[in-house]
């Protein structure tokens, strides 16, 4: 039995007030997920266009004066 079926079974024994509270919590979780997703896209968009797609050589990365 999956989570959806388990939730449906439990809801059959709940009062309307309890179901409303559960629905409110589910909506809170969805809003939280959407907020986190938006924040992640905002972080990515801050750095958009900074990488030009140019190929780089790994050996050149270790040939910098600061790494010697």
Protein backbone atom coordinates (compact mmCIF):
# COMPACT_ATOMS: atom_id res chain seq x y z
CA UNK A 1 0.00 0.00 0.00
CA UNK A 2 1.43 3.33 -1.05
CA UNK A 3 1.46 6.57 0.87
CA UNK A 4 -1.57 7.93 -0.96
CA UNK A 5 -3.66 4.93 -0.03
CA UNK A 6 -2.47 5.04 3.58
CA UNK A 7 -3.40 8.72 3.86
CA UNK A 8 -6.84 8.05 2.34
CA UNK A 9 -7.45 5.23 4.83
CA UNK A 10 -6.51 7.41 7.78
CA UNK A 11 -8.66 10.28 6.54
CA UNK A 12 -11.73 8.04 6.63
CA UNK A 13 -11.52 7.95 10.43
CA UNK A 14 -10.73 11.64 10.94
CA UNK A 15 -13.04 14.48 11.83
CA UNK A 16 -13.49 17.38 9.40
CA UNK A 17 -11.37 19.66 11.61
CA UNK A 18 -8.49 17.17 11.56
CA UNK A 19 -8.73 16.81 7.80
CA UNK A 20 -8.64 20.60 7.43
CA UNK A 21 -5.52 20.70 9.59
CA UNK A 22 -3.89 17.98 7.51
CA UNK A 23 -4.76 19.83 4.31
CA UNK A 24 -3.30 23.02 5.75
CA UNK A 25 -0.07 21.19 6.55
CA UNK A 26 0.11 19.71 3.04
CA UNK A 27 -0.33 23.18 1.55
CA UNK A 28 2.41 24.48 3.85
CA UNK A 29 4.78 21.76 2.62
CA UNK A 30 4.02 22.57 -1.01
CA UNK A 31 4.57 26.29 -0.44
CA UNK A 32 7.86 25.53 1.31
CA UNK A 33 9.00 23.40 -1.64
CA UNK A 34 8.06 26.13 -4.11
CA UNK A 35 9.91 28.75 -2.06
CA UNK A 36 13.06 26.61 -1.90
CA UNK A 37 12.88 25.97 -5.64
CA UNK A 38 12.51 29.69 -6.34
CA UNK A 39 15.48 30.48 -4.08
CA UNK A 40 17.61 27.92 -5.92
CA UNK A 41 16.72 29.43 -9.31
CA UNK A 42 17.47 32.92 -7.96
CA UNK A 43 20.91 31.75 -6.87
CA UNK A 44 21.57 30.25 -10.30
CA UNK A 45 20.33 33.36 -12.09
CA UNK A 46 22.82 35.52 -10.15
CA UNK A 47 25.62 33.69 -11.96
CA UNK A 48 23.96 33.41 -15.35
CA UNK A 49 26.26 34.32 -18.21
CA UNK A 50 29.48 34.10 -16.24
CA UNK A 51 30.62 30.92 -17.92
CA UNK A 52 31.22 31.42 -21.61
CA UNK A 53 31.46 27.73 -22.45
CA UNK A 54 35.13 27.94 -23.33
CA UNK A 55 37.12 24.74 -23.00
CA UNK A 56 39.81 24.70 -20.34
CA UNK A 57 42.77 22.50 -19.69
CA UNK A 58 43.01 20.87 -16.30
CA UNK A 59 46.82 21.19 -16.24
CA UNK A 60 46.57 24.96 -16.69
CA UNK A 61 44.45 25.19 -13.56
CA UNK A 62 47.30 23.78 -11.47
CA UNK A 63 49.90 25.98 -13.14
CA UNK A 64 48.81 29.17 -11.36
CA UNK A 65 51.23 31.08 -9.16
CA UNK A 66 48.90 30.91 -6.17
CA UNK A 67 48.91 27.13 -6.19
CA UNK A 68 52.66 26.72 -6.21
